[in-house]
Amino acid sequence: METTDDRPTLVRRLDERTVALFGGKIAMCVASARQVAGLLREDPVPATRGR
């Protein structure tokens, strides 16, 4: 039996157009959204590439 209610929240860039977000708890949604926004600011995809 598990002793905690811990659930991971994982955010990672898979490729230039895909960010994977595996959410654990609803309380982490704002922090997770900020992580995704940070990934997009670090390496934005130019509008002319891949569209």
Protein backbone atom coordinates (compact mmCIF):
# COMPACT_ATOMS: atom_id res chain seq x y z
CA MET A 1 0.00 0.00 0.00
CA GLU A 2 1.26 3.49 -0.86
CA THR A 3 1.94 5.83 2.04
CA THR A 4 1.61 9.14 0.15
CA ASP A 5 -0.64 10.77 -2.40
CA ASP A 6 2.31 11.95 -4.52
CA ARG A 7 1.72 12.14 -8.28
CA PRO A 8 4.40 13.42 -10.66
CA THR A 9 3.95 16.27 -13.09
CA LEU A 10 6.33 15.93 -16.02
CA VAL A 11 6.89 18.53 -18.73
CA ARG A 12 9.33 17.93 -21.58
CA ARG A 13 9.97 18.95 -25.16
CA LEU A 14 9.70 15.98 -27.53
CA ASP A 15 10.55 17.82 -30.73
CA GLU A 16 10.26 21.29 -32.23
CA ARG A 17 6.45 21.10 -32.39
CA THR A 18 5.52 18.85 -29.47
CA VAL A 19 5.57 19.39 -25.71
CA ALA A 20 4.51 16.47 -23.50
CA LEU A 21 2.68 17.27 -20.29
CA PHE A 22 1.88 14.47 -17.87
CA GLY A 23 -0.15 16.00 -15.08
CA GLY A 24 -0.41 14.66 -11.58
CA LYS A 25 -2.76 16.89 -9.61
CA ILE A 26 -5.03 19.76 -10.64
CA ALA A 27 -3.26 22.05 -8.17
CA MET A 28 -0.16 21.90 -10.40
CA CYS A 29 -1.86 23.12 -13.59
CA VAL A 30 -0.65 26.74 -13.33
CA ALA A 31 2.94 25.72 -12.57
CA SER A 32 2.82 23.21 -15.44
CA ALA A 33 1.51 25.84 -17.85
CA ARG A 34 4.37 28.13 -16.84
CA GLN A 35 6.86 25.34 -17.54
CA VAL A 36 5.39 24.82 -21.02
CA ALA A 37 5.50 28.57 -21.70
CA GLY A 38 9.14 28.62 -20.59
CA LEU A 39 10.01 25.80 -22.99
CA LEU A 40 8.34 27.67 -25.84
CA ARG A 41 10.18 30.91 -24.99
CA GLU A 42 13.54 29.09 -24.91
CA ASP A 43 13.12 27.48 -28.33
CA PRO A 44 10.23 28.97 -30.31
CA VAL A 45 9.34 27.46 -33.67
CA PRO A 46 9.57 29.98 -36.53
CA ALA A 47 6.22 30.50 -38.30
CA THR A 48 7.66 29.45 -41.68
CA ARG A 49 9.15 26.14 -40.52
CA GLY A 50 7.08 22.96 -40.60
CA ARG A 51 3.71 24.55 -41.36
